[in-house]
Amino acid sequence: MTGLDKREEPPSLVELREAVNARLPRVDLPEILLEIAARTDFASKFTHVSERASRVSDLAVSVCTVLIAEACKIGLEPLVRPDVPGAAAHSPVLGQSELHSQ
């Protein structure tokens, strides 16, 4: 089986792509994940492995921080923000990644 020959993109496609890209807002991945968490409440489905109810007030932020760190394989260090509750280094969730989904 051979590969397909590369076809030139028509100028109209190039213009359309540029027009669409110019209209898309520039947002960071954490912002998108936090918005999805706010709309769907998926972060509330995560619990501590001990299955006790969490008393962390900013659980959604902490869960999103851990998810991004793990998914991107960058660790927590680049995501720790001392000015953001739930993303501070002393956050109980960030100190341990012992969460599981229900």
PDB file of N, CA and C in Angstrom:
ATOM      1  N   MET A   1       0.851  -1.156   0.000  1.00  0.00           N
ATOM      2  CA  MET A   1       0.000   0.000   0.000  1.00  0.00           C
ATOM      3  C   MET A   1       0.909   1.235   0.000  1.00  0.00           C
ATOM      4  N   THR A   2       0.617   2.167  -0.833  1.00  0.00           N
ATOM      5  CA  THR A   2       1.432   3.375  -0.919  1.00  0.00           C
ATOM      6  C   THR A   2       0.693   4.548  -0.304  1.00  0.00           C
ATOM      7  N   GLY A   3       1.463   5.545   0.076  1.00  0.00           N
ATOM      8  CA  GLY A   3       0.865   6.749   0.648  1.00  0.00           C
ATOM      9  C   GLY A   3       0.154   7.574  -0.403  1.00  0.00           C
ATOM     10  N   LEU A   4      -0.707   8.428   0.049  1.00  0.00           N
ATOM     11  CA  LEU A   4      -1.433   9.309  -0.861  1.00  0.00           C
ATOM     12  C   LEU A   4      -0.548  10.483  -1.264  1.00  0.00           C
ATOM     13  N   ASP A   5      -0.729  10.935  -2.471  1.00  0.00           N
ATOM     14  CA  ASP A   5      -0.003  12.113  -2.922  1.00  0.00           C
ATOM     15  C   ASP A   5      -0.569  13.354  -2.235  1.00  0.00           C
ATOM     16  N   LYS A   6       0.319  14.246  -1.881  1.00  0.00           N
ATOM     17  CA  LYS A   6      -0.118  15.476  -1.239  1.00  0.00           C
ATOM     18  C   LYS A   6      -0.814  16.362  -2.271  1.00  0.00           C
ATOM     19  N   ARG A   7      -1.966  16.882  -1.871  1.00  0.00           N
ATOM     20  CA  ARG A   7      -2.706  17.782  -2.746  1.00  0.00           C
ATOM     21  C   ARG A   7      -2.564  19.198  -2.214  1.00  0.00           C
ATOM     22  N   GLU A   8      -2.446  20.106  -3.107  1.00  0.00           N
ATOM     23  CA  GLU A   8      -2.367  21.513  -2.718  1.00  0.00           C
ATOM     24  C   GLU A   8      -3.717  21.955  -2.165  1.00  0.00           C
ATOM     25  N   GLU A   9      -3.670  22.764  -1.115  1.00  0.00           N
ATOM     26  CA  GLU A   9      -4.909  23.293  -0.557  1.00  0.00           C
ATOM     27  C   GLU A   9      -5.377  24.470  -1.405  1.00  0.00           C
ATOM     28  N   PRO A  10      -6.649  24.510  -1.726  1.00  0.00           N
ATOM     29  CA  PRO A  10      -7.147  25.637  -2.504  1.00  0.00           C
ATOM     30  C   PRO A  10      -7.040  26.931  -1.675  1.00  0.00           C
ATOM     31  N   PRO A  11      -6.812  28.043  -2.337  1.00  0.00           N
ATOM     32  CA  PRO A  11      -6.698  29.323  -1.615  1.00  0.00           C
ATOM     33  C   PRO A  11      -7.911  29.630  -0.745  1.00  0.00           C
ATOM     34  N   SER A  12      -9.094  29.210  -1.181  1.00  0.00           N
ATOM     35  CA  SER A  12     -10.301  29.472  -0.383  1.00  0.00           C
ATOM     36  C   SER A  12     -10.245  28.734   0.951  1.00  0.00           C
ATOM     37  N   LEU A  13      -9.677  27.528   0.962  1.00  0.00           N
ATOM     38  CA  LEU A  13      -9.535  26.774   2.213  1.00  0.00           C
ATOM     39  C   LEU A  13      -8.544  27.453   3.137  1.00  0.00           C
ATOM     40  N   VAL A  14      -7.443  27.926   2.592  1.00  0.00           N
ATOM     41  CA  VAL A  14      -6.434  28.617   3.395  1.00  0.00           C
ATOM     42  C   VAL A  14      -7.042  29.882   4.007  1.00  0.00           C
ATOM     43  N   GLU A  15      -7.794  30.652   3.210  1.00  0.00           N
ATOM     44  CA  GLU A  15      -8.438  31.872   3.704  1.00  0.00           C
ATOM     45  C   GLU A  15      -9.459  31.556   4.781  1.00  0.00           C
ATOM     46  N   LEU A  16     -10.253  30.518   4.570  1.00  0.00           N
ATOM     47  CA  LEU A  16     -11.255  30.127   5.558  1.00  0.00           C
ATOM     48  C   LEU A  16     -10.599  29.729   6.866  1.00  0.00           C
ATOM     49  N   ARG A  17      -9.534  28.934   6.802  1.00  0.00           N
ATOM     50  CA  ARG A  17      -8.829  28.506   8.008  1.00  0.00           C
ATOM     51  C   ARG A  17      -8.302  29.718   8.778  1.00  0.00           C
ATOM     52  N   GLU A  18      -7.717  30.669   8.066  1.00  0.00           N
ATOM     53  CA  GLU A  18      -7.185  31.875   8.715  1.00  0.00           C
ATOM     54  C   GLU A  18      -8.298  32.704   9.346  1.00  0.00           C
ATOM     55  N   ALA A  19      -9.438  32.807   8.655  1.00  0.00           N
ATOM     56  CA  ALA A  19     -10.571  33.577   9.186  1.00  0.00           C
ATOM     57  C   ALA A  19     -11.131  32.923  10.450  1.00  0.00           C
ATOM     58  N   VAL A  20     -11.253  31.607  10.431  1.00  0.00           N
ATOM     59  CA  VAL A  20     -11.761  30.893  11.612  1.00  0.00           C
ATOM     60  C   VAL A  20     -10.785  31.030  12.773  1.00  0.00           C
ATOM     61  N   ASN A  21      -9.499  30.823  12.517  1.00  0.00           N
ATOM     62  CA  ASN A  21      -8.488  30.938  13.577  1.00  0.00           C
ATOM     63  C   ASN A  21      -8.449  32.337  14.172  1.00  0.00           C
ATOM     64  N   ALA A  22      -8.675  33.362  13.355  1.00  0.00           N
ATOM     65  CA  ALA A  22      -8.665  34.733  13.853  1.00  0.00           C
ATOM     66  C   ALA A  22      -9.834  34.999  14.798  1.00  0.00           C
ATOM     67  N   ARG A  23     -10.915  34.259  14.633  1.00  0.00           N
ATOM     68  CA  ARG A  23     -12.105  34.465  15.468  1.00  0.00           C
ATOM     69  C   ARG A  23     -12.108  33.623  16.744  1.00  0.00           C
ATOM     70  N   LEU A  24     -11.279  32.619  16.789  1.00  0.00           N
ATOM     71  CA  LEU A  24     -11.238  31.765  17.980  1.00  0.00           C
ATOM     72  C   LEU A  24     -10.551  32.499  19.127  1.00  0.00           C
ATOM     73  N   PRO A  25     -11.142  32.447  20.308  1.00  0.00           N
ATOM     74  CA  PRO A  25     -10.500  33.114  21.449  1.00  0.00           C
ATOM     75  C   PRO A  25      -9.254  32.351  21.886  1.00  0.00           C
ATOM     76  N   ARG A  26      -8.293  33.065  22.390  1.00  0.00           N
ATOM     77  CA  ARG A  26      -7.073  32.444  22.917  1.00  0.00           C
ATOM     78  C   ARG A  26      -7.317  32.154  24.391  1.00  0.00           C
ATOM     79  N   VAL A  27      -7.411  30.888  24.732  1.00  0.00           N
ATOM     80  CA  VAL A  27      -7.626  30.491  26.123  1.00  0.00           C
ATOM     81  C   VAL A  27      -6.640  29.396  26.479  1.00  0.00           C
ATOM     82  N   ASP A  28      -6.364  29.289  27.751  1.00  0.00           N
ATOM     83  CA  ASP A  28      -5.470  28.248  28.239  1.00  0.00           C
ATOM     84  C   ASP A  28      -6.270  26.988  28.544  1.00  0.00           C
ATOM     85  N   LEU A  29      -5.615  25.857  28.453  1.00  0.00           N
ATOM     86  CA  LEU A  29      -6.254  24.579  28.748  1.00  0.00           C
ATOM     87  C   LEU A  29      -6.883  24.561  30.145  1.00  0.00           C
ATOM     88  N   PRO A  30      -6.201  25.061  31.189  1.00  0.00           N
ATOM     89  CA  PRO A  30      -6.845  25.055  32.506  1.00  0.00           C
ATOM     90  C   PRO A  30      -8.154  25.843  32.534  1.00  0.00           C
ATOM     91  N   GLU A  31      -8.223  26.946  31.815  1.00  0.00           N
ATOM     92  CA  GLU A  31      -9.458  27.730  31.781  1.00  0.00           C
ATOM     93  C   GLU A  31     -10.598  26.932  31.162  1.00  0.00           C
ATOM     94  N   ILE A  32     -10.303  26.209  30.098  1.00  0.00           N
ATOM     95  CA  ILE A  32     -11.325  25.396  29.441  1.00  0.00           C
ATOM     96  C   ILE A  32     -11.802  24.298  30.384  1.00  0.00           C
ATOM     97  N   LEU A  33     -10.865  23.626  31.026  1.00  0.00           N
ATOM     98  CA  LEU A  33     -11.231  22.535  31.928  1.00  0.00           C
ATOM     99  C   LEU A  33     -12.049  23.046  33.111  1.00  0.00           C
ATOM    100  N   LEU A  34     -11.690  24.209  33.653  1.00  0.00           N
ATOM    101  CA  LEU A  34     -12.455  24.780  34.766  1.00  0.00           C
ATOM    102  C   LEU A  34     -13.861  25.184  34.320  1.00  0.00           C
ATOM    103  N   GLU A  35     -13.999  25.692  33.120  1.00  0.00           N
ATOM    104  CA  GLU A  35     -15.329  26.038  32.621  1.00  0.00           C
ATOM    105  C   GLU A  35     -16.186  24.786  32.446  1.00  0.00           C
ATOM    106  N   ILE A  36     -15.586  23.724  31.914  1.00  0.00           N
ATOM    107  CA  ILE A  36     -16.321  22.467  31.772  1.00  0.00           C
ATOM    108  C   ILE A  36     -16.713  21.930  33.141  1.00  0.00           C
ATOM    109  N   ALA A  37     -15.814  22.036  34.106  1.00  0.00           N
ATOM    110  CA  ALA A  37     -16.122  21.578  35.470  1.00  0.00           C
ATOM    111  C   ALA A  37     -17.280  22.383  36.051  1.00  0.00           C
ATOM    112  N   ALA A  38     -17.294  23.686  35.800  1.00  0.00           N
ATOM    113  CA  ALA A  38     -18.378  24.529  36.324  1.00  0.00           C
ATOM    114  C   ALA A  38     -19.719  24.177  35.677  1.00  0.00           C
ATOM    115  N   ARG A  39     -19.687  23.869  34.397  1.00  0.00           N
ATOM    116  CA  ARG A  39     -20.934  23.559  33.688  1.00  0.00           C
ATOM    117  C   ARG A  39     -21.458  22.154  33.968  1.00  0.00           C
ATOM    118  N   THR A  40     -20.556  21.211  34.178  1.00  0.00           N
ATOM    119  CA  THR A  40     -20.980  19.814  34.311  1.00  0.00           C
ATOM    120  C   THR A  40     -20.884  19.270  35.729  1.00  0.00           C
ATOM    121  N   ASP A  41     -20.146  19.955  36.591  1.00  0.00           N
ATOM    122  CA  ASP A  41     -19.936  19.511  37.970  1.00  0.00           C
ATOM    123  C   ASP A  41     -19.231  18.159  38.046  1.00  0.00           C
ATOM    124  N   PHE A  42     -18.408  17.839  37.026  1.00  0.00           N
ATOM    125  CA  PHE A  42     -17.734  16.540  37.022  1.00  0.00           C
ATOM    126  C   PHE A  42     -16.753  16.389  38.173  1.00  0.00           C
ATOM    127  N   ALA A  43     -16.192  17.483  38.658  1.00  0.00           N
ATOM    128  CA  ALA A  43     -15.188  17.387  39.726  1.00  0.00           C
ATOM    129  C   ALA A  43     -15.792  16.833  41.011  1.00  0.00           C
ATOM    130  N   SER A  44     -17.093  17.013  41.201  1.00  0.00           N
ATOM    131  CA  SER A  44     -17.737  16.494  42.413  1.00  0.00           C
ATOM    132  C   SER A  44     -17.810  14.968  42.405  1.00  0.00           C
ATOM    133  N   LYS A  45     -17.561  14.358  41.265  1.00  0.00           N
ATOM    134  CA  LYS A  45     -17.590  12.890  41.169  1.00  0.00           C
ATOM    135  C   LYS A  45     -16.293  12.253  41.640  1.00  0.00           C
ATOM    136  N   PHE A  46     -15.293  13.069  41.934  1.00  0.00           N
ATOM    137  CA  PHE A  46     -14.031  12.560  42.446  1.00  0.00           C
ATOM    138  C   PHE A  46     -14.073  12.586  43.972  1.00  0.00           C
ATOM    139  N   THR A  47     -13.576  11.537  44.561  1.00  0.00           N
ATOM    140  CA  THR A  47     -13.517  11.456  46.021  1.00  0.00           C
ATOM    141  C   THR A  47     -12.130  10.975  46.422  1.00  0.00           C
ATOM    142  N   HIS A  48     -11.844  11.118  47.685  1.00  0.00           N
ATOM    143  CA  HIS A  48     -10.596  10.601  48.220  1.00  0.00           C
ATOM    144  C   HIS A  48     -10.694   9.087  48.255  1.00  0.00           C
ATOM    145  N   VAL A  49      -9.582   8.386  48.130  1.00  0.00           N
ATOM    146  CA  VAL A  49      -9.613   6.927  48.107  1.00  0.00           C
ATOM    147  C   VAL A  49     -10.205   6.333  49.382  1.00  0.00           C
ATOM    148  N   SER A  50     -10.172   7.089  50.467  1.00  0.00           N
ATOM    149  CA  SER A  50     -10.763   6.592  51.710  1.00  0.00           C
ATOM    150  C   SER A  50     -12.285   6.631  51.645  1.00  0.00           C
ATOM    151  N   GLU A  51     -12.816   7.265  50.567  1.00  0.00           N
ATOM    152  CA  GLU A  51     -14.248   7.422  50.336  1.00  0.00           C
ATOM    153  C   GLU A  51     -14.924   8.310  51.355  1.00  0.00           C
ATOM    154  N   ARG A  52     -14.159   9.048  52.126  1.00  0.00           N
ATOM    155  CA  ARG A  52     -14.753  10.036  53.022  1.00  0.00           C
ATOM    156  C   ARG A  52     -15.115  11.260  52.206  1.00  0.00           C
ATOM    157  N   ALA A  53     -16.102  11.998  52.650  1.00  0.00           N
ATOM    158  CA  ALA A  53     -16.484  13.237  51.970  1.00  0.00           C
ATOM    159  C   ALA A  53     -15.346  14.242  52.091  1.00  0.00           C
ATOM    160  N   SER A  54     -15.067  14.908  51.003  1.00  0.00           N
ATOM    161  CA  SER A  54     -13.982  15.883  51.000  1.00  0.00           C
ATOM    162  C   SER A  54     -14.441  17.181  51.629  1.00  0.00           C
ATOM    163  N   ARG A  55     -13.557  17.800  52.385  1.00  0.00           N
ATOM    164  CA  ARG A  55     -13.867  19.092  52.996  1.00  0.00           C
ATOM    165  C   ARG A  55     -13.100  20.213  52.310  1.00  0.00           C
ATOM    166  N   VAL A  56     -12.545  19.925  51.161  1.00  0.00           N
ATOM    167  CA  VAL A  56     -11.781  20.920  50.425  1.00  0.00           C
ATOM    168  C   VAL A  56     -12.768  21.857  49.742  1.00  0.00           C
ATOM    169  N   SER A  57     -12.641  23.152  50.020  1.00  0.00           N
ATOM    170  CA  SER A  57     -13.600  24.109  49.463  1.00  0.00           C
ATOM    171  C   SER A  57     -13.402  24.334  47.970  1.00  0.00           C
ATOM    172  N   ASP A  58     -12.193  24.218  47.477  1.00  0.00           N
ATOM    173  CA  ASP A  58     -11.905  24.444  46.065  1.00  0.00           C
ATOM    174  C   ASP A  58     -11.548  23.137  45.382  1.00  0.00           C
ATOM    175  N   LEU A  59     -12.362  22.122  45.598  1.00  0.00           N
ATOM    176  CA  LEU A  59     -12.067  20.794  45.073  1.00  0.00           C
ATOM    177  C   LEU A  59     -11.982  20.799  43.546  1.00  0.00           C
ATOM    178  N   ALA A  60     -12.869  21.530  42.870  1.00  0.00           N
ATOM    179  CA  ALA A  60     -12.858  21.541  41.400  1.00  0.00           C
ATOM    180  C   ALA A  60     -11.526  22.049  40.869  1.00  0.00           C
ATOM    181  N   VAL A  61     -10.996  23.104  41.467  1.00  0.00           N
ATOM    182  CA  VAL A  61      -9.710  23.646  41.022  1.00  0.00           C
ATOM    183  C   VAL A  61      -8.603  22.631  41.261  1.00  0.00           C
ATOM    184  N   SER A  62      -8.622  22.004  42.418  1.00  0.00           N
ATOM    185  CA  SER A  62      -7.594  21.008  42.732  1.00  0.00           C
ATOM    186  C   SER A  62      -7.677  19.806  41.800  1.00  0.00           C
ATOM    187  N   VAL A  63      -8.883  19.316  41.546  1.00  0.00           N
ATOM    188  CA  VAL A  63      -9.055  18.164  40.658  1.00  0.00           C
ATOM    189  C   VAL A  63      -8.576  18.516  39.252  1.00  0.00           C
ATOM    190  N   CYS A  64      -8.963  19.687  38.754  1.00  0.00           N
ATOM    191  CA  CYS A  64      -8.529  20.106  37.414  1.00  0.00           C
ATOM    192  C   CYS A  64      -7.015  20.256  37.358  1.00  0.00           C
ATOM    193  N   THR A  65      -6.412  20.747  38.416  1.00  0.00           N
ATOM    194  CA  THR A  65      -4.958  20.897  38.458  1.00  0.00           C
ATOM    195  C   THR A  65      -4.282  19.535  38.363  1.00  0.00           C
ATOM    196  N   VAL A  66      -4.764  18.571  39.130  1.00  0.00           N
ATOM    197  CA  VAL A  66      -4.182  17.225  39.105  1.00  0.00           C
ATOM    198  C   VAL A  66      -4.418  16.567  37.743  1.00  0.00           C
ATOM    199  N   LEU A  67      -5.614  16.727  37.172  1.00  0.00           N
ATOM    200  CA  LEU A  67      -5.903  16.125  35.871  1.00  0.00           C
ATOM    201  C   LEU A  67      -4.973  16.658  34.786  1.00  0.00           C
ATOM    202  N   ILE A  68      -4.767  17.964  34.767  1.00  0.00           N
ATOM    203  CA  ILE A  68      -3.888  18.556  33.757  1.00  0.00           C
ATOM    204  C   ILE A  68      -2.445  18.096  33.972  1.00  0.00           C
ATOM    205  N   ALA A  69      -2.000  18.093  35.223  1.00  0.00           N
ATOM    206  CA  ALA A  69      -0.631  17.663  35.522  1.00  0.00           C
ATOM    207  C   ALA A  69      -0.389  16.229  35.066  1.00  0.00           C
ATOM    208  N   GLU A  70      -1.363  15.368  35.331  1.00  0.00           N
ATOM    209  CA  GLU A  70      -1.213  13.962  34.956  1.00  0.00           C
ATOM    210  C   GLU A  70      -1.366  13.759  33.452  1.00  0.00           C
ATOM    211  N   ALA A  71      -2.346  14.398  32.839  1.00  0.00           N
ATOM    212  CA  ALA A  71      -2.597  14.215  31.410  1.00  0.00           C
ATOM    213  C   ALA A  71      -1.453  14.747  30.558  1.00  0.00           C
ATOM    214  N   CYS A  72      -0.885  15.855  30.970  1.00  0.00           N
ATOM    215  CA  CYS A  72       0.207  16.464  30.199  1.00  0.00           C
ATOM    216  C   CYS A  72       1.576  15.954  30.629  1.00  0.00           C
ATOM    217  N   LYS A  73       1.596  15.152  31.697  1.00  0.00           N
ATOM    218  CA  LYS A  73       2.848  14.581  32.223  1.00  0.00           C
ATOM    219  C   LYS A  73       3.883  15.672  32.525  1.00  0.00           C
ATOM    220  N   ILE A  74       3.388  16.739  33.186  1.00  0.00           N
ATOM    221  CA  ILE A  74       4.280  17.851  33.530  1.00  0.00           C
ATOM    222  C   ILE A  74       4.492  17.977  35.029  1.00  0.00           C
ATOM    223  N   GLY A  75       3.756  17.192  35.800  1.00  0.00           N
ATOM    224  CA  GLY A  75       3.850  17.304  37.246  1.00  0.00           C
ATOM    225  C   GLY A  75       3.099  18.533  37.741  1.00  0.00           C
ATOM    226  N   LEU A  76       3.004  18.651  39.041  1.00  0.00           N
ATOM    227  CA  LEU A  76       2.234  19.749  39.630  1.00  0.00           C
ATOM    228  C   LEU A  76       2.985  21.078  39.668  1.00  0.00           C
ATOM    229  N   GLU A  77       4.298  21.023  39.710  1.00  0.00           N
ATOM    230  CA  GLU A  77       5.100  22.235  39.915  1.00  0.00           C
ATOM    231  C   GLU A  77       4.723  23.404  38.994  1.00  0.00           C
ATOM    232  N   PRO A  78       4.575  23.196  37.669  1.00  0.00           N
ATOM    233  CA  PRO A  78       4.247  24.334  36.804  1.00  0.00           C
ATOM    234  C   PRO A  78       2.842  24.889  37.030  1.00  0.00           C
ATOM    235  N   LEU A  79       1.982  24.117  37.689  1.00  0.00           N
ATOM    236  CA  LEU A  79       0.592  24.524  37.868  1.00  0.00           C
ATOM    237  C   LEU A  79       0.297  25.110  39.242  1.00  0.00           C
ATOM    238  N   VAL A  80       1.228  24.983  40.157  1.00  0.00           N
ATOM    239  CA  VAL A  80       1.006  25.506  41.514  1.00  0.00           C
ATOM    240  C   VAL A  80       0.968  27.025  41.459  1.00  0.00           C
ATOM    241  N   ARG A  81      -0.106  27.591  42.036  1.00  0.00           N
ATOM    242  CA  ARG A  81      -0.283  29.047  42.073  1.00  0.00           C
ATOM    243  C   ARG A  81      -0.647  29.436  43.502  1.00  0.00           C
ATOM    244  N   PRO A  82       0.254  30.065  44.227  1.00  0.00           N
ATOM    245  CA  PRO A  82      -0.030  30.404  45.616  1.00  0.00           C
ATOM    246  C   PRO A  82      -1.203  31.378  45.772  1.00  0.00           C
ATOM    247  N   ASP A  83      -1.523  32.134  44.718  1.00  0.00           N
ATOM    248  CA  ASP A  83      -2.606  33.105  44.789  1.00  0.00           C
ATOM    249  C   ASP A  83      -3.971  32.513  44.438  1.00  0.00           C
ATOM    250  N   VAL A  84      -4.020  31.217  44.077  1.00  0.00           N
ATOM    251  CA  VAL A  84      -5.278  30.581  43.691  1.00  0.00           C
ATOM    252  C   VAL A  84      -5.617  29.478  44.681  1.00  0.00           C
ATOM    253  N   PRO A  85      -6.697  29.667  45.459  1.00  0.00           N
ATOM    254  CA  PRO A  85      -7.105  28.599  46.376  1.00  0.00           C
ATOM    255  C   PRO A  85      -7.393  27.315  45.583  1.00  0.00           C
ATOM    256  N   GLY A  86      -6.926  26.223  46.065  1.00  0.00           N
ATOM    257  CA  GLY A  86      -7.100  24.943  45.375  1.00  0.00           C
ATOM    258  C   GLY A  86      -5.934  24.599  44.469  1.00  0.00           C
ATOM    259  N   ALA A  87      -5.118  25.598  44.117  1.00  0.00           N
ATOM    260  CA  ALA A  87      -3.945  25.337  43.273  1.00  0.00           C
ATOM    261  C   ALA A  87      -2.668  25.723  44.008  1.00  0.00           C
ATOM    262  N   ALA A  88      -2.785  26.007  45.284  1.00  0.00           N
ATOM    263  CA  ALA A  88      -1.611  26.348  46.092  1.00  0.00           C
ATOM    264  C   ALA A  88      -0.907  25.065  46.503  1.00  0.00           C
ATOM    265  N   ALA A  89       0.373  25.158  46.731  1.00  0.00           N
ATOM    266  CA  ALA A  89       1.168  23.977  47.070  1.00  0.00           C
ATOM    267  C   ALA A  89       0.675  23.308  48.352  1.00  0.00           C
ATOM    268  N   HIS A  90       0.077  24.087  49.264  1.00  0.00           N
ATOM    269  CA  HIS A  90      -0.381  23.517  50.530  1.00  0.00           C
ATOM    270  C   HIS A  90      -1.795  22.939  50.439  1.00  0.00           C
ATOM    271  N   SER A  91      -2.389  22.950  49.246  1.00  0.00           N
ATOM    272  CA  SER A  91      -3.728  22.389  49.078  1.00  0.00           C
ATOM    273  C   SER A  91      -3.715  20.916  49.446  1.00  0.00           C
ATOM    274  N   PRO A  92      -4.700  20.459  50.238  1.00  0.00           N
ATOM    275  CA  PRO A  92      -4.704  19.054  50.652  1.00  0.00           C
ATOM    276  C   PRO A  92      -4.791  18.065  49.486  1.00  0.00           C
ATOM    277  N   VAL A  93      -5.457  18.442  48.421  1.00  0.00           N
ATOM    278  CA  VAL A  93      -5.580  17.531  47.281  1.00  0.00           C
ATOM    279  C   VAL A  93      -4.273  17.468  46.502  1.00  0.00           C
ATOM    280  N   LEU A  94      -3.600  18.611  46.359  1.00  0.00           N
ATOM    281  CA  LEU A  94      -2.360  18.610  45.593  1.00  0.00           C
ATOM    282  C   LEU A  94      -1.240  17.912  46.345  1.00  0.00           C
ATOM    283  N   GLY A  95      -1.351  17.862  47.646  1.00  0.00           N
ATOM    284  CA  GLY A  95      -0.337  17.191  48.437  1.00  0.00           C
ATOM    285  C   GLY A  95      -0.396  15.684  48.295  1.00  0.00           C
ATOM    286  N   GLN A  96      -1.510  15.205  47.748  1.00  0.00           N
ATOM    287  CA  GLN A  96      -1.667  13.767  47.567  1.00  0.00           C
ATOM    288  C   GLN A  96      -2.570  13.576  46.358  1.00  0.00           C
ATOM    289  N   SER A  97      -2.232  12.702  45.484  1.00  0.00           N
ATOM    290  CA  SER A  97      -3.104  12.460  44.338  1.00  0.00           C
ATOM    291  C   SER A  97      -3.834  11.145  44.541  1.00  0.00           C
ATOM    292  N   GLU A  98      -4.522  11.070  45.666  1.00  0.00           N
ATOM    293  CA  GLU A  98      -5.255   9.858  46.004  1.00  0.00           C
ATOM    294  C   GLU A  98      -6.746  10.055  45.745  1.00  0.00           C
ATOM    295  N   LEU A  99      -7.062  10.469  44.533  1.00  0.00           N
ATOM    296  CA  LEU A  99      -8.445  10.673  44.132  1.00  0.00           C
ATOM    297  C   LEU A  99      -8.856   9.559  43.196  1.00  0.00           C
ATOM    298  N   HIS A 100     -10.125   9.245  43.198  1.00  0.00           N
ATOM    299  CA  HIS A 100     -10.656   8.331  42.189  1.00  0.00           C
ATOM    300  C   HIS A 100     -12.042   8.810  41.823  1.00  0.00           C
ATOM    301  N   SER A 101     -12.487   8.421  40.644  1.00  0.00           N
ATOM    302  CA  SER A 101     -13.817   8.840  40.202  1.00  0.00           C
ATOM    303  C   SER A 101     -14.835   7.787  40.644  1.00  0.00           C
ATOM    304  N   GLN A 102     -16.028   8.274  40.881  1.00  0.00           N
ATOM    305  CA  GLN A 102     -17.097   7.392  41.329  1.00  0.00           C
ATOM    306  C   GLN A 102     -17.719   6.646  40.171  1.00  0.00           C
TER     307      GLN A 102
END
